[in-house]
C-alpha cells in the first residue's frame, strides 16, 4: 500500500537453520549467514569443532548467502582444529571467492562446488 512517504516496507529477518548431517560427522545449514544469524552460525561451528575428528563436513547447498564475517568464522574454526580438515560442500558462490581472497593458503578447508 502506498502512503504519503512512498510504499510501505515489510521487514523480514534472515533465517538460518543448522543441524547435524546424517551418517557422517558435520553440519548442514539452510538460509542466510549474516549479521542477524551470525550467533547461530558461530555456535554451530563451535559445536562442530568440539566433535571434530579427522574430517568434518559442512553442507551448504541450502545457503543462499554468506557474508564476510560468516566466512571468517568458518576459516577461524578450520584454523583452530586440532588436526584434519573441513570439507565444505556446495557453498554459495561468494564463499570460495572470499576464502581465496583472504585465506589463499588455508589448506584445512576443502571446497566442493555446487
C-alpha atoms as a PDB file:
ATOM      1  CA  UNK A   1       0.000   0.000   0.000  1.00  0.00           C
ATOM      2  CA  UNK A   2       1.345   3.430  -0.898  1.00  0.00           C
ATOM      3  CA  UNK A   3       1.451   6.050   1.804  1.00  0.00           C
ATOM      4  CA  UNK A   4       2.437   9.706   1.827  1.00  0.00           C
ATOM      5  CA  UNK A   5       6.108   8.705   2.165  1.00  0.00           C
ATOM      6  CA  UNK A   6       6.049   6.009  -0.519  1.00  0.00           C
ATOM      7  CA  UNK A   7       5.317   2.310  -0.450  1.00  0.00           C
ATOM      8  CA  UNK A   8       5.060   0.538   2.879  1.00  0.00           C
ATOM      9  CA  UNK A   9       8.005  -1.736   3.561  1.00  0.00           C
ATOM     10  CA  UNK A  10       7.868  -5.061   5.283  1.00  0.00           C
ATOM     11  CA  UNK A  11      10.974  -6.029   7.197  1.00  0.00           C
ATOM     12  CA  UNK A  12      11.896  -9.665   7.023  1.00  0.00           C
ATOM     13  CA  UNK A  13      14.615 -11.228   9.101  1.00  0.00           C
ATOM     14  CA  UNK A  14      17.135 -13.660   7.757  1.00  0.00           C
ATOM     15  CA  UNK A  15      16.705 -17.232   8.893  1.00  0.00           C
ATOM     16  CA  UNK A  16      19.383 -19.867   9.394  1.00  0.00           C
ATOM     17  CA  UNK A  17      18.631 -23.486  10.169  1.00  0.00           C
ATOM     18  CA  UNK A  18      21.634 -25.608  11.185  1.00  0.00           C
ATOM     19  CA  UNK A  19      21.539 -29.271  12.143  1.00  0.00           C
ATOM     20  CA  UNK A  20      23.660 -32.413  12.117  1.00  0.00           C
ATOM     21  CA  UNK A  21      24.378 -34.404   8.971  1.00  0.00           C
ATOM     22  CA  UNK A  22      23.028 -37.905   8.779  1.00  0.00           C
ATOM     23  CA  UNK A  23      25.589 -40.696   8.558  1.00  0.00           C
ATOM     24  CA  UNK A  24      28.764 -38.618   8.805  1.00  0.00           C
ATOM     25  CA  UNK A  25      30.319 -36.018  11.089  1.00  0.00           C
ATOM     26  CA  UNK A  26      29.284 -32.484  10.309  1.00  0.00           C
ATOM     27  CA  UNK A  27      26.511 -29.947   9.906  1.00  0.00           C
ATOM     28  CA  UNK A  28      24.018 -28.876   7.260  1.00  0.00           C
ATOM     29  CA  UNK A  29      22.910 -25.256   7.025  1.00  0.00           C
ATOM     30  CA  UNK A  30      19.986 -23.663   5.193  1.00  0.00           C
ATOM     31  CA  UNK A  31      19.104 -19.999   4.838  1.00  0.00           C
ATOM     32  CA  UNK A  32      21.388 -16.990   5.148  1.00  0.00           C
ATOM     33  CA  UNK A  33      24.560 -16.436   7.138  1.00  0.00           C
ATOM     34  CA  UNK A  34      24.759 -12.761   8.014  1.00  0.00           C
ATOM     35  CA  UNK A  35      24.638 -10.285  10.852  1.00  0.00           C
ATOM     36  CA  UNK A  36      21.275 -11.441  12.208  1.00  0.00           C
ATOM     37  CA  UNK A  37      22.168 -15.158  12.082  1.00  0.00           C
ATOM     38  CA  UNK A  38      25.853 -14.972  12.981  1.00  0.00           C
ATOM     39  CA  UNK A  39      25.492 -16.183  16.570  1.00  0.00           C
ATOM     40  CA  UNK A  40      23.681 -19.352  15.449  1.00  0.00           C
ATOM     41  CA  UNK A  41      26.366 -19.956  12.793  1.00  0.00           C
ATOM     42  CA  UNK A  42      29.226 -19.442  15.239  1.00  0.00           C
ATOM     43  CA  UNK A  43      27.567 -21.699  17.837  1.00  0.00           C
ATOM     44  CA  UNK A  44      27.144 -24.446  15.230  1.00  0.00           C
ATOM     45  CA  UNK A  45      30.809 -24.125  14.214  1.00  0.00           C
ATOM     46  CA  UNK A  46      31.916 -24.247  17.856  1.00  0.00           C
ATOM     47  CA  UNK A  47      29.947 -27.457  18.356  1.00  0.00           C
ATOM     48  CA  UNK A  48      31.363 -28.870  15.115  1.00  0.00           C
ATOM     49  CA  UNK A  49      34.920 -28.200  16.307  1.00  0.00           C
ATOM     50  CA  UNK A  50      34.196 -29.912  19.641  1.00  0.00           C
ATOM     51  CA  UNK A  51      33.118 -33.077  17.835  1.00  0.00           C
ATOM     52  CA  UNK A  52      35.790 -32.916  15.113  1.00  0.00           C
ATOM     53  CA  UNK A  53      37.923 -35.974  14.490  1.00  0.00           C
ATOM     54  CA  UNK A  54      39.777 -36.286  11.168  1.00  0.00           C
ATOM     55  CA  UNK A  55      37.226 -34.837   8.715  1.00  0.00           C
ATOM     56  CA  UNK A  56      34.192 -32.666   9.393  1.00  0.00           C
ATOM     57  CA  UNK A  57      31.648 -31.864   6.702  1.00  0.00           C
ATOM     58  CA  UNK A  58      29.770 -28.590   6.261  1.00  0.00           C
ATOM     59  CA  UNK A  59      26.959 -28.968   3.731  1.00  0.00           C
ATOM     60  CA  UNK A  60      25.769 -25.577   2.449  1.00  0.00           C
ATOM     61  CA  UNK A  61      23.634 -26.296  -0.629  1.00  0.00           C
ATOM     62  CA  UNK A  62      20.658 -24.667   1.114  1.00  0.00           C
ATOM     63  CA  UNK A  63      22.549 -21.469   1.977  1.00  0.00           C
ATOM     64  CA  UNK A  64      21.649 -18.547  -0.283  1.00  0.00           C
ATOM     65  CA  UNK A  65      24.103 -16.014   1.132  1.00  0.00           C
ATOM     66  CA  UNK A  66      27.095 -15.857   3.447  1.00  0.00           C
ATOM     67  CA  UNK A  67      28.779 -12.598   4.423  1.00  0.00           C
ATOM     68  CA  UNK A  68      32.486 -11.993   5.051  1.00  0.00           C
ATOM     69  CA  UNK A  69      32.107 -12.453   8.808  1.00  0.00           C
ATOM     70  CA  UNK A  70      30.424 -15.823   8.238  1.00  0.00           C
ATOM     71  CA  UNK A  71      33.301 -16.972   6.037  1.00  0.00           C
ATOM     72  CA  UNK A  72      35.746 -15.612   8.630  1.00  0.00           C
ATOM     73  CA  UNK A  73      34.078 -17.715  11.342  1.00  0.00           C
ATOM     74  CA  UNK A  74      34.422 -20.784   9.116  1.00  0.00           C
ATOM     75  CA  UNK A  75      38.097 -20.072   8.372  1.00  0.00           C
ATOM     76  CA  UNK A  76      38.953 -19.397  12.028  1.00  0.00           C
ATOM     77  CA  UNK A  77      37.214 -22.618  13.059  1.00  0.00           C
ATOM     78  CA  UNK A  78      39.251 -24.577  10.487  1.00  0.00           C
ATOM     79  CA  UNK A  79      42.490 -22.913  11.624  1.00  0.00           C
ATOM     80  CA  UNK A  80      41.783 -23.874  15.241  1.00  0.00           C
ATOM     81  CA  UNK A  81      41.017 -27.530  14.582  1.00  0.00           C
ATOM     82  CA  UNK A  82      43.474 -29.829  16.339  1.00  0.00           C
ATOM     83  CA  UNK A  83      44.157 -31.646  13.055  1.00  0.00           C
ATOM     84  CA  UNK A  84      42.469 -32.982   9.992  1.00  0.00           C
ATOM     85  CA  UNK A  85      40.343 -30.917   7.662  1.00  0.00           C
ATOM     86  CA  UNK A  86      36.930 -29.488   6.980  1.00  0.00           C
ATOM     87  CA  UNK A  87      35.087 -30.276   3.740  1.00  0.00           C
ATOM     88  CA  UNK A  88      32.648 -27.555   2.692  1.00  0.00           C
ATOM     89  CA  UNK A  89      30.120 -28.939   0.240  1.00  0.00           C
ATOM     90  CA  UNK A  90      28.140 -26.936  -2.308  1.00  0.00           C
ATOM     91  CA  UNK A  91      28.546 -23.448  -0.798  1.00  0.00           C
ATOM     92  CA  UNK A  92      27.141 -20.242  -2.268  1.00  0.00           C
ATOM     93  CA  UNK A  93      29.489 -18.764  -4.911  1.00  0.00           C
ATOM     94  CA  UNK A  94      30.876 -15.978  -2.714  1.00  0.00           C
ATOM     95  CA  UNK A  95      32.317 -18.397  -0.121  1.00  0.00           C
ATOM     96  CA  UNK A  96      35.143 -19.908  -2.230  1.00  0.00           C
ATOM     97  CA  UNK A  97      35.951 -16.463  -3.654  1.00  0.00           C
ATOM     98  CA  UNK A  98      36.292 -14.984  -0.165  1.00  0.00           C
ATOM     99  CA  UNK A  99      38.420 -17.907   1.015  1.00  0.00           C
ATOM    100  CA  UNK A 100      40.722 -17.454  -1.998  1.00  0.00           C
ATOM    101  CA  UNK A 101      40.908 -13.710  -1.430  1.00  0.00           C
ATOM    102  CA  UNK A 102      41.530 -13.613   2.331  1.00  0.00           C
ATOM    103  CA  UNK A 103      42.912 -17.089   3.116  1.00  0.00           C
ATOM    104  CA  UNK A 104      44.672 -18.257  -0.069  1.00  0.00           C
ATOM    105  CA  UNK A 105      46.958 -20.684   1.747  1.00  0.00           C
ATOM    106  CA  UNK A 106      44.363 -22.227   4.073  1.00  0.00           C
ATOM    107  CA  UNK A 107      44.648 -25.951   3.385  1.00  0.00           C
ATOM    108  CA  UNK A 108      42.400 -27.187   6.183  1.00  0.00           C
ATOM    109  CA  UNK A 109      39.292 -26.331   4.156  1.00  0.00           C
ATOM    110  CA  UNK A 110      38.429 -28.273   1.028  1.00  0.00           C
ATOM    111  CA  UNK A 111      35.564 -26.795  -1.004  1.00  0.00           C
ATOM    112  CA  UNK A 112      33.455 -28.948  -3.329  1.00  0.00           C
ATOM    113  CA  UNK A 113      31.489 -26.925  -5.923  1.00  0.00           C
ATOM    114  CA  UNK A 114      27.727 -26.555  -6.304  1.00  0.00           C
END
